[in-house]
Structure formats: structure tokens, C-alpha cells
Amino acid sequence: MRRFSKSHGSHCYLRSFKTECPRCGAEILYWECTHGCKVFFEYPPYGKLIKHKCKNIEDRSTKNKHKVIVKRPKGLLENTSKYCPACGKVFDNQKSLNDHIKQMQKFDYFHQIIGVKNNENNSMSSDKDKKEYDHPKFGQINLI
């Protein structure tokens, strides 16, 4: 009765023959063992067998063949919905948020503070726009 070892060695041999490399066309030695390993070696074999370099290059290039794609979760990184900083109520657009703040200014102190800050920011941006529009620069196209 014949016993098979679990590791490779001199007893591990199925077939080998001379052939050509399908990628570069060089003469190589195809070697296959009883465990299912298939390897290309340089031909002619002198002493220790040397793996065919074309095969190693192909293995390395497949690792870097495809770019790593990072998909970020939707909705976590960009905050598309507007919310009231005083009460936390969520709104679809900026106009409905401004209407809410104007309405709640009459009843709530926190909404009054936010309303004052909102008015200051709006007046600063409108003043800046007016200043640029009132004093156009000569030789430039001034868009509204």
C-alpha cells in the first residue's frame, strides 16, 4: 500500500515537458505535481530550477491592475437639510427655515438671538454686494 505525503518533495511529481511561454514566447519547462501545483521554469534546467520571470511579473501586475474605489456613505458627510439651531427642527430649504425663525422670534428668546445673527449676516452680505455694484472697475466686465 502506497502512502502519500502532505507536503511537496522528490516524491511529488506528475509530469513535466518543454513548451513555450504563452505570454513572451520563450522556451520553458512546464512542471506539474500530484498536489495540483503548476509551475513554469527556465529552460534548459541546470542545477536548481529557476521560476520563469514572465510569470512573476504577471502576478505582480494583477495586484495593481484595478484602482481601489472608496465609496463614502450618502448623507453623512454633506448636510443637505437645513435645521434650526435653537429647537433642532429640520427644514427642506433655507426659505422655510428663515420663515420659522421670523415667526418664533416673537415667542422664544433663543430664536430672537438667532434672528439677530441672521439679520447681521444678511445685511453684511447685501452691503458687500452693493458696494461692489456701486463702484464698478474700469476695463472689467461687472456682472450682477
N, C-alpha and C. Protein backbone atom coordinates (compact mmCIF):
# COMPACT_ATOMS: atom_id res chain seq x y z
N MET A 1 0.83 -1.17 0.00
CA MET A 1 0.00 0.00 0.00
C MET A 1 0.88 1.24 0.00
N ARG A 2 0.56 2.21 -0.87
CA ARG A 2 1.37 3.41 -1.02
C ARG A 2 0.78 4.55 -0.22
N ARG A 3 1.60 5.28 0.53
CA ARG A 3 1.15 6.40 1.34
C ARG A 3 1.63 7.69 0.69
N PHE A 4 0.74 8.69 0.63
CA PHE A 4 1.10 9.98 0.05
C PHE A 4 1.38 10.99 1.15
N SER A 5 2.47 11.72 1.00
CA SER A 5 2.84 12.74 1.96
C SER A 5 2.03 14.01 1.69
N LYS A 6 1.80 14.80 2.72
CA LYS A 6 1.02 16.03 2.57
C LYS A 6 1.84 17.18 2.01
N SER A 7 3.16 17.08 2.01
CA SER A 7 4.00 18.18 1.56
C SER A 7 4.67 17.83 0.24
N HIS A 8 5.22 18.86 -0.40
CA HIS A 8 5.94 18.68 -1.66
C HIS A 8 7.32 18.11 -1.38
N GLY A 9 7.85 17.41 -2.35
CA GLY A 9 9.19 16.86 -2.23
C GLY A 9 9.56 16.11 -3.49
N SER A 10 10.59 15.26 -3.41
CA SER A 10 11.03 14.50 -4.59
C SER A 10 9.99 13.46 -5.00
N HIS A 11 9.17 13.03 -4.07
CA HIS A 11 8.13 12.06 -4.37
C HIS A 11 6.94 12.70 -5.08
N CYS A 12 6.84 14.02 -5.04
CA CYS A 12 5.71 14.76 -5.58
C CYS A 12 6.01 15.13 -7.03
N TYR A 13 5.51 14.35 -7.99
CA TYR A 13 5.78 14.60 -9.39
C TYR A 13 4.67 13.96 -10.21
N LEU A 14 4.11 14.69 -11.16
CA LEU A 14 3.11 14.11 -12.04
C LEU A 14 3.60 14.10 -13.47
N ARG A 15 3.98 15.27 -13.98
CA ARG A 15 4.51 15.34 -15.34
C ARG A 15 5.25 16.65 -15.55
N SER A 16 6.14 16.67 -16.53
CA SER A 16 6.84 17.88 -16.94
C SER A 16 7.23 17.73 -18.40
N PHE A 17 7.21 18.85 -19.13
CA PHE A 17 7.59 18.83 -20.54
C PHE A 17 8.00 20.22 -20.98
N LYS A 18 8.73 20.26 -22.10
CA LYS A 18 9.21 21.52 -22.67
C LYS A 18 8.08 22.14 -23.49
N THR A 19 7.90 23.45 -23.33
CA THR A 19 6.87 24.17 -24.08
C THR A 19 7.28 25.63 -24.23
N GLU A 20 6.42 26.47 -24.79
CA GLU A 20 6.68 27.90 -24.95
C GLU A 20 5.78 28.69 -24.02
N CYS A 21 6.31 29.81 -23.56
CA CYS A 21 5.54 30.69 -22.68
C CYS A 21 4.42 31.34 -23.51
N PRO A 22 3.19 31.28 -23.05
CA PRO A 22 2.10 31.87 -23.81
C PRO A 22 2.16 33.40 -23.86
N ARG A 23 2.90 34.01 -22.94
CA ARG A 23 2.95 35.47 -22.89
C ARG A 23 4.13 36.05 -23.68
N CYS A 24 5.33 35.51 -23.43
CA CYS A 24 6.51 36.09 -24.08
C CYS A 24 7.10 35.20 -25.17
N GLY A 25 6.69 33.94 -25.27
CA GLY A 25 7.16 33.05 -26.32
C GLY A 25 8.51 32.39 -26.06
N ALA A 26 9.06 32.52 -24.85
CA ALA A 26 10.35 31.91 -24.52
C ALA A 26 10.17 30.41 -24.25
N GLU A 27 11.27 29.63 -24.41
CA GLU A 27 11.22 28.20 -24.11
C GLU A 27 11.22 28.02 -22.60
N ILE A 28 10.28 27.22 -22.10
CA ILE A 28 10.15 26.99 -20.67
C ILE A 28 9.89 25.52 -20.40
N LEU A 29 10.03 25.15 -19.14
CA LEU A 29 9.74 23.79 -18.69
C LEU A 29 8.47 23.85 -17.85
N TYR A 30 7.41 23.17 -18.32
CA TYR A 30 6.16 23.09 -17.57
C TYR A 30 6.27 21.94 -16.59
N TRP A 31 5.95 22.18 -15.32
CA TRP A 31 6.07 21.16 -14.29
C TRP A 31 4.78 21.12 -13.49
N GLU A 32 4.26 19.91 -13.27
CA GLU A 32 3.01 19.73 -12.53
C GLU A 32 3.21 18.63 -11.51
N CYS A 33 2.63 18.79 -10.31
CA CYS A 33 2.80 17.78 -9.26
C CYS A 33 1.46 17.12 -8.92
N THR A 34 1.52 16.11 -8.06
CA THR A 34 0.32 15.37 -7.68
C THR A 34 -0.63 16.20 -6.82
N HIS A 35 -0.12 17.29 -6.21
CA HIS A 35 -0.97 18.15 -5.39
C HIS A 35 -1.72 19.19 -6.21
N GLY A 36 -1.43 19.27 -7.50
CA GLY A 36 -2.13 20.22 -8.36
C GLY A 36 -1.37 21.49 -8.67
N CYS A 37 -0.13 21.62 -8.21
CA CYS A 37 0.68 22.81 -8.50
C CYS A 37 1.17 22.77 -9.94
N LYS A 38 1.09 23.92 -10.60
CA LYS A 38 1.59 24.04 -11.97
C LYS A 38 2.54 25.22 -12.01
N VAL A 39 3.79 24.97 -12.44
CA VAL A 39 4.84 25.99 -12.39
C VAL A 39 5.59 26.00 -13.71
N PHE A 40 6.01 27.21 -14.16
CA PHE A 40 6.88 27.36 -15.32
C PHE A 40 8.29 27.63 -14.82
N PHE A 41 9.27 26.86 -15.35
CA PHE A 41 10.68 27.05 -15.01
C PHE A 41 11.45 27.43 -16.26
N GLU A 42 12.62 28.07 -16.05
CA GLU A 42 13.51 28.42 -17.17
C GLU A 42 14.04 27.14 -17.81
N TYR A 43 14.18 27.18 -19.15
CA TYR A 43 14.68 26.02 -19.87
C TYR A 43 15.98 26.40 -20.54
N PRO A 44 16.98 25.61 -20.62
CA PRO A 44 17.17 24.27 -20.06
C PRO A 44 17.50 24.33 -18.58
N PRO A 45 17.06 23.34 -17.81
CA PRO A 45 17.31 23.33 -16.36
C PRO A 45 18.73 22.90 -16.04
N TYR A 46 19.47 23.74 -15.31
CA TYR A 46 20.82 23.41 -14.83
C TYR A 46 20.82 23.56 -13.33
N GLY A 47 21.04 22.50 -12.59
CA GLY A 47 21.08 22.57 -11.13
C GLY A 47 19.69 22.85 -10.57
N LYS A 48 19.62 23.87 -9.72
CA LYS A 48 18.35 24.23 -9.10
C LYS A 48 17.43 24.88 -10.13
N LEU A 49 16.15 24.51 -10.11
CA LEU A 49 15.19 25.06 -11.06
C LEU A 49 14.86 26.51 -10.71
N ILE A 50 14.82 27.37 -11.75
CA ILE A 50 14.54 28.79 -11.58
C ILE A 50 13.17 29.08 -12.20
N LYS A 51 12.30 29.75 -11.42
CA LYS A 51 10.97 30.09 -11.94
C LYS A 51 11.09 31.07 -13.10
N HIS A 52 10.18 30.92 -14.06
CA HIS A 52 10.15 31.81 -15.22
C HIS A 52 9.73 33.21 -14.78
N LYS A 53 10.52 34.25 -15.12
CA LYS A 53 10.29 35.62 -14.65
C LYS A 53 9.01 36.22 -15.21
N CYS A 54 8.65 35.85 -16.40
CA CYS A 54 7.44 36.38 -17.04
C CYS A 54 6.22 36.08 -16.17
N LYS A 55 6.18 34.92 -15.57
CA LYS A 55 5.06 34.52 -14.71
C LYS A 55 5.00 35.38 -13.46
N ASN A 56 6.15 35.69 -12.85
CA ASN A 56 6.19 36.52 -11.65
C ASN A 56 5.72 37.94 -11.94
N ILE A 57 6.12 38.50 -13.07
CA ILE A 57 5.74 39.86 -13.44
C ILE A 57 4.23 39.93 -13.62
N GLU A 58 3.65 38.89 -14.22
CA GLU A 58 2.22 38.87 -14.44
C GLU A 58 1.46 38.85 -13.12
N ASP A 59 1.96 38.10 -12.14
CA ASP A 59 1.31 38.04 -10.84
C ASP A 59 1.36 39.39 -10.14
N ARG A 60 2.46 40.09 -10.25
CA ARG A 60 2.60 41.40 -9.60
C ARG A 60 1.71 42.44 -10.26
N SER A 61 1.58 42.37 -11.59
CA SER A 61 0.79 43.38 -12.27
C SER A 61 -0.70 43.22 -11.99
N THR A 62 -1.16 42.01 -11.69
CA THR A 62 -2.58 41.83 -11.41
C THR A 62 -2.96 42.44 -10.07
N LYS A 63 -2.02 42.58 -9.15
CA LYS A 63 -2.33 43.19 -7.87
C LYS A 63 -2.65 44.67 -8.04
N ASN A 64 -1.94 45.36 -8.93
CA ASN A 64 -2.13 46.79 -9.12
C ASN A 64 -2.97 47.10 -10.35
N LYS A 65 -3.68 46.11 -10.86
CA LYS A 65 -4.41 46.28 -12.10
C LYS A 65 -5.63 47.18 -11.90
N HIS A 66 -6.33 47.02 -10.80
CA HIS A 66 -7.56 47.77 -10.57
C HIS A 66 -7.35 48.79 -9.46
N LYS A 67 -7.91 49.96 -9.65
CA LYS A 67 -7.83 51.03 -8.68
C LYS A 67 -8.75 50.73 -7.50
N VAL A 68 -8.33 51.13 -6.32
CA VAL A 68 -9.16 50.95 -5.13
C VAL A 68 -10.22 52.04 -5.12
N ILE A 69 -11.48 51.63 -5.06
CA ILE A 69 -12.59 52.57 -5.07
C ILE A 69 -13.13 52.69 -3.66
N VAL A 70 -13.15 53.92 -3.16
CA VAL A 70 -13.67 54.17 -1.82
C VAL A 70 -15.04 54.82 -1.97
N LYS A 71 -16.06 54.14 -1.48
CA LYS A 71 -17.41 54.69 -1.54
C LYS A 71 -17.77 55.26 -0.18
N ARG A 72 -18.09 56.52 -0.15
CA ARG A 72 -18.45 57.18 1.10
C ARG A 72 -19.96 57.04 1.31
N PRO A 73 -20.38 56.91 2.55
CA PRO A 73 -21.82 56.78 2.80
C PRO A 73 -22.56 58.06 2.46
N LYS A 74 -23.75 57.91 1.89
CA LYS A 74 -24.53 59.07 1.49
C LYS A 74 -25.17 59.72 2.71
N GLY A 75 -25.15 61.03 2.74
CA GLY A 75 -25.86 61.76 3.77
C GLY A 75 -25.07 62.02 5.04
N LEU A 76 -23.96 61.34 5.24
CA LEU A 76 -23.21 61.56 6.48
C LEU A 76 -22.23 62.72 6.35
N LEU A 77 -21.61 62.86 5.21
CA LEU A 77 -20.56 63.86 5.07
C LEU A 77 -21.09 65.24 4.68
N GLU A 78 -22.12 65.27 3.85
CA GLU A 78 -22.67 66.56 3.48
C GLU A 78 -24.05 66.69 4.10
N ASN A 79 -24.30 67.82 4.73
CA ASN A 79 -25.58 68.05 5.39
C ASN A 79 -26.46 68.84 4.44
N THR A 80 -27.35 68.17 3.72
CA THR A 80 -28.18 68.83 2.72
C THR A 80 -29.40 69.49 3.34
N SER A 81 -29.89 68.99 4.46
CA SER A 81 -31.09 69.56 5.08
C SER A 81 -30.70 70.69 6.03
N LYS A 82 -31.54 71.71 6.07
CA LYS A 82 -31.34 72.85 6.98
C LYS A 82 -32.09 72.57 8.27
N TYR A 83 -31.53 73.01 9.39
CA TYR A 83 -32.19 72.81 10.67
C TYR A 83 -32.04 74.07 11.52
N CYS A 84 -32.98 74.22 12.42
CA CYS A 84 -32.98 75.37 13.32
C CYS A 84 -32.02 75.08 14.48
N PRO A 85 -31.02 75.94 14.71
CA PRO A 85 -30.08 75.70 15.80
C PRO A 85 -30.71 75.83 17.18
N ALA A 86 -31.82 76.56 17.29
CA ALA A 86 -32.45 76.76 18.60
C ALA A 86 -33.28 75.55 19.02
N CYS A 87 -34.14 75.04 18.12
CA CYS A 87 -35.03 73.95 18.51
C CYS A 87 -34.71 72.63 17.83
N GLY A 88 -33.88 72.63 16.78
CA GLY A 88 -33.48 71.40 16.11
C GLY A 88 -34.45 70.93 15.05
N LYS A 89 -35.45 71.71 14.71
CA LYS A 89 -36.43 71.32 13.70
C LYS A 89 -35.76 71.34 12.32
N VAL A 90 -36.05 70.31 11.50
CA VAL A 90 -35.40 70.15 10.19
C VAL A 90 -36.31 70.71 9.10
N PHE A 91 -35.69 71.44 8.14
CA PHE A 91 -36.42 72.05 7.03
C PHE A 91 -35.80 71.63 5.71
N ASP A 92 -36.62 71.70 4.64
CA ASP A 92 -36.16 71.30 3.31
C ASP A 92 -35.27 72.36 2.66
N ASN A 93 -35.58 73.64 2.89
CA ASN A 93 -34.80 74.69 2.24
C ASN A 93 -34.57 75.86 3.19
N GLN A 94 -33.77 76.80 2.76
CA GLN A 94 -33.37 77.95 3.58
C GLN A 94 -34.55 78.89 3.82
N LYS A 95 -35.44 79.04 2.84
CA LYS A 95 -36.57 79.96 2.97
C LYS A 95 -37.51 79.54 4.10
N SER A 96 -37.82 78.25 4.16
CA SER A 96 -38.71 77.78 5.23
C SER A 96 -38.05 77.92 6.60
N LEU A 97 -36.74 77.76 6.67
CA LEU A 97 -36.02 77.96 7.93
C LEU A 97 -36.09 79.42 8.36
N ASN A 98 -35.89 80.35 7.42
CA ASN A 98 -35.96 81.78 7.74
C ASN A 98 -37.38 82.17 8.19
N ASP A 99 -38.40 81.62 7.53
CA ASP A 99 -39.79 81.90 7.93
C ASP A 99 -40.05 81.40 9.35
N HIS A 100 -39.54 80.23 9.68
CA HIS A 100 -39.70 79.66 11.02
C HIS A 100 -39.04 80.56 12.07
N ILE A 101 -37.83 81.02 11.78
CA ILE A 101 -37.11 81.87 12.74
C ILE A 101 -37.86 83.20 12.94
N LYS A 102 -38.37 83.80 11.84
CA LYS A 102 -39.12 85.06 11.96
C LYS A 102 -40.38 84.88 12.79
N GLN A 103 -41.06 83.76 12.59
CA GLN A 103 -42.29 83.50 13.33
C GLN A 103 -42.02 83.24 14.81
N MET A 104 -40.96 82.49 15.12
CA MET A 104 -40.68 82.11 16.50
C MET A 104 -39.95 83.21 17.29
N GLN A 105 -39.46 84.26 16.61
CA GLN A 105 -38.77 85.36 17.30
C GLN A 105 -39.69 86.06 18.30
N LYS A 106 -40.98 86.07 17.99
CA LYS A 106 -41.95 86.76 18.85
C LYS A 106 -42.15 86.04 20.18
N PHE A 107 -41.93 84.70 20.19
CA PHE A 107 -42.27 83.91 21.37
C PHE A 107 -41.07 83.39 22.14
N ASP A 108 -39.93 83.19 21.47
CA ASP A 108 -38.82 82.48 22.10
C ASP A 108 -37.56 83.35 22.07
N TYR A 109 -36.85 83.38 23.21
CA TYR A 109 -35.63 84.18 23.34
C TYR A 109 -34.50 83.63 22.46
N PHE A 110 -34.32 82.30 22.39
CA PHE A 110 -33.24 81.70 21.59
C PHE A 110 -33.43 82.00 20.10
N HIS A 111 -34.69 81.98 19.66
CA HIS A 111 -34.96 82.31 18.26
C HIS A 111 -34.68 83.79 17.98
N GLN A 112 -34.89 84.66 18.98
CA GLN A 112 -34.57 86.09 18.82
C GLN A 112 -33.07 86.29 18.57
N ILE A 113 -32.25 85.57 19.35
CA ILE A 113 -30.79 85.68 19.20
C ILE A 113 -30.36 85.21 17.81
N ILE A 114 -30.91 84.09 17.38
CA ILE A 114 -30.56 83.55 16.06
C ILE A 114 -31.05 84.48 14.96
N GLY A 115 -32.24 85.08 15.16
CA GLY A 115 -32.77 86.03 14.18
C GLY A 115 -31.89 87.25 14.03
N VAL A 116 -31.35 87.76 15.14
CA VAL A 116 -30.46 88.92 15.11
C VAL A 116 -29.17 88.56 14.35
N LYS A 117 -28.61 87.39 14.64
CA LYS A 117 -27.39 86.96 13.94
C LYS A 117 -27.65 86.78 12.45
N ASN A 118 -28.81 86.23 12.11
CA ASN A 118 -29.17 86.04 10.70
C ASN A 118 -29.28 87.38 9.99
N ASN A 119 -29.92 88.36 10.64
CA ASN A 119 -30.08 89.68 10.04
C ASN A 119 -28.73 90.36 9.84
N GLU A 120 -27.81 90.22 10.79
CA GLU A 120 -26.48 90.81 10.66
C GLU A 120 -25.73 90.19 9.48
N ASN A 121 -25.79 88.88 9.34
CA ASN A 121 -25.10 88.20 8.24
C ASN A 121 -25.70 88.60 6.90
N ASN A 122 -27.03 88.69 6.83
CA ASN A 122 -27.68 89.08 5.57
C ASN A 122 -27.35 90.52 5.20
N SER A 123 -27.33 91.41 6.20
CA SER A 123 -27.04 92.82 5.92
C SER A 123 -25.58 93.00 5.48
N MET A 124 -24.66 92.24 6.07
CA MET A 124 -23.25 92.32 5.68
C MET A 124 -23.06 91.84 4.25
N SER A 125 -23.69 90.76 3.89
CA SER A 125 -23.53 90.24 2.54
C SER A 125 -24.19 91.16 1.52
N SER A 126 -25.36 91.74 1.88
CA SER A 126 -26.02 92.65 0.94
C SER A 126 -25.22 93.96 0.82
N ASP A 127 -24.62 94.46 1.92
CA ASP A 127 -23.78 95.65 1.86
C ASP A 127 -22.56 95.41 0.98
N LYS A 128 -21.97 94.24 1.10
CA LYS A 128 -20.80 93.90 0.30
C LYS A 128 -21.17 93.87 -1.18
N ASP A 129 -22.33 93.27 -1.50
CA ASP A 129 -22.78 93.21 -2.89
C ASP A 129 -23.06 94.61 -3.42
N LYS A 130 -23.68 95.47 -2.59
CA LYS A 130 -24.00 96.82 -3.03
C LYS A 130 -22.73 97.63 -3.28
N LYS A 131 -21.75 97.49 -2.42
CA LYS A 131 -20.50 98.24 -2.57
C LYS A 131 -19.80 97.87 -3.86
N GLU A 132 -19.76 96.60 -4.18
CA GLU A 132 -19.10 96.18 -5.41
C GLU A 132 -19.88 96.65 -6.64
N TYR A 133 -21.20 96.67 -6.52
CA TYR A 133 -22.02 97.07 -7.65
C TYR A 133 -21.99 98.58 -7.86
N ASP A 134 -21.94 99.35 -6.76
CA ASP A 134 -21.96 100.81 -6.84
C ASP A 134 -20.66 101.37 -7.41
N HIS A 135 -19.56 100.70 -7.22
CA HIS A 135 -18.27 101.19 -7.70
C HIS A 135 -17.67 100.19 -8.69
N PRO A 136 -18.13 100.19 -9.93
CA PRO A 136 -17.56 99.26 -10.91
C PRO A 136 -16.14 99.67 -11.27
N LYS A 137 -15.32 98.70 -11.62
CA LYS A 137 -13.94 98.96 -12.00
C LYS A 137 -13.87 99.14 -13.51
N PHE A 138 -13.09 100.11 -13.91
CA PHE A 138 -12.96 100.41 -15.33
C PHE A 138 -12.18 99.31 -16.04
N GLY A 139 -12.66 98.90 -17.21
CA GLY A 139 -11.96 97.90 -18.02
C GLY A 139 -12.30 96.47 -17.65
N GLN A 140 -13.24 96.25 -16.73
CA GLN A 140 -13.63 94.90 -16.35
C GLN A 140 -15.12 94.71 -16.60
N ILE A 141 -15.50 93.48 -16.84
CA ILE A 141 -16.92 93.17 -17.01
C ILE A 141 -17.51 92.97 -15.62
N ASN A 142 -18.49 93.78 -15.27
CA ASN A 142 -19.11 93.72 -13.95
C ASN A 142 -20.45 93.01 -14.06
N LEU A 143 -20.54 91.83 -13.50
CA LEU A 143 -21.79 91.07 -13.52
C LEU A 143 -22.53 91.26 -12.22
N ILE A 144 -23.84 91.21 -12.30
CA ILE A 144 -24.67 91.38 -11.10
C ILE A 144 -24.77 90.06 -10.38
